[in-house]
Amino acid sequence: MENNRKDDTKVRIFSFIIGVLVGAIISTSAFIISVNVLGANNSSNGQSSQMQGGTPPEMPSGENGQPPAKPGEGNNQNGNES
């Protein structure tokens, strides 16, 4: 009788693992299919969804058209240079 319980527990664990694997395969397949379908719809519009607003923003410039200094570089408020 005790041997029967061990077999029953093994079957339940094995069934659980198989169920989790099958569920993962099904959900991954559904995700891939939906990405492919949505990707085909976005490319048929001629634009990506990120570029619908116009031109991208420009990078801020510091003095004389140079990029701004990184924190800790150049002159700081204490008068110490790094």
Protein backbone atom coordinates (compact mmCIF):
# COMPACT_ATOMS: atom_id res chain seq x y z
CA MET A 1 0.00 0.00 0.00
CA GLU A 2 2.86 2.35 0.77
CA ASN A 3 4.44 1.50 -2.57
CA ASN A 4 1.19 2.46 -4.30
CA ARG A 5 1.31 5.93 -2.68
CA LYS A 6 4.86 6.50 -3.91
CA ASP A 7 3.84 5.59 -7.45
CA ASP A 8 0.80 7.89 -7.22
CA THR A 9 2.99 10.79 -6.02
CA LYS A 10 5.50 10.20 -8.81
CA VAL A 11 2.72 10.21 -11.39
CA ARG A 12 1.30 13.46 -10.01
CA ILE A 13 4.70 15.19 -10.01
CA PHE A 14 5.45 13.94 -13.52
CA SER A 15 2.02 15.11 -14.73
CA PHE A 16 2.56 18.54 -13.16
CA ILE A 17 5.95 18.96 -14.85
CA ILE A 18 4.56 17.89 -18.22
CA GLY A 19 1.63 20.30 -17.78
CA VAL A 20 3.93 23.21 -16.99
CA LEU A 21 6.09 22.47 -20.03
CA VAL A 22 3.07 22.17 -22.34
CA GLY A 23 1.64 25.42 -20.97
CA ALA A 24 4.95 27.21 -21.53
CA ILE A 25 5.11 25.97 -25.11
CA ILE A 26 1.54 27.06 -25.83
CA SER A 27 1.99 30.52 -24.31
CA THR A 28 5.31 31.07 -26.10
CA SER A 29 3.76 30.04 -29.41
CA ALA A 30 0.82 32.40 -28.88
CA PHE A 31 3.22 35.25 -28.04
CA ILE A 32 5.35 34.67 -31.14
CA ILE A 33 2.27 34.50 -33.36
CA SER A 34 0.82 37.70 -31.90
CA VAL A 35 4.15 39.55 -32.30
CA ASN A 36 4.36 38.48 -35.92
CA VAL A 37 0.78 39.53 -36.63
CA LEU A 38 1.15 42.90 -34.88
CA GLY A 39 4.54 43.45 -36.50
CA ALA A 40 3.03 42.89 -39.95
CA ASN A 41 0.25 45.39 -39.18
CA ASN A 42 2.72 48.07 -38.03
CA SER A 43 4.98 47.69 -41.05
CA SER A 44 2.01 47.95 -43.43
CA ASN A 45 1.35 51.49 -42.14
CA GLY A 46 4.73 52.63 -43.48
CA GLN A 47 5.85 54.05 -40.12
CA SER A 48 6.92 52.59 -36.85
CA SER A 49 4.82 53.56 -33.84
CA GLN A 50 7.80 55.35 -32.27
CA MET A 51 8.33 57.84 -35.10
CA GLN A 52 4.74 59.03 -35.57
CA GLY A 53 5.33 62.25 -33.61
CA GLY A 54 7.84 63.85 -36.01
CA THR A 55 11.54 64.51 -35.53
CA PRO A 56 13.48 63.11 -32.58
CA PRO A 57 14.67 65.57 -29.90
CA GLU A 58 18.10 67.16 -30.20
CA MET A 59 20.93 66.61 -27.75
CA PRO A 60 21.42 69.60 -25.42
CA SER A 61 24.57 71.62 -26.02
CA GLY A 62 26.80 73.44 -23.56
CA GLU A 63 29.00 76.45 -24.16
CA ASN A 64 30.33 77.08 -27.72
CA GLY A 65 28.29 74.20 -29.12
CA GLN A 66 30.21 71.63 -27.08
CA PRO A 67 28.32 68.89 -25.25
CA PRO A 68 27.71 69.64 -21.58
CA ALA A 69 30.37 68.43 -19.14
CA LYS A 70 29.72 65.24 -17.22
CA PRO A 71 29.23 65.58 -13.48
CA GLY A 72 32.62 65.66 -11.74
CA GLU A 73 34.48 66.96 -14.79
CA GLY A 74 35.75 70.49 -15.38
CA ASN A 75 35.04 73.31 -12.96
CA ASN A 76 32.79 72.61 -10.04
CA GLN A 77 31.34 75.00 -7.52
CA ASN A 78 34.14 74.40 -4.98
CA GLY A 79 36.82 75.65 -7.37
CA ASN A 80 38.54 72.23 -7.50
CA GLU A 81 39.17 70.68 -10.86
CA SER A 82 39.00 66.92 -11.32
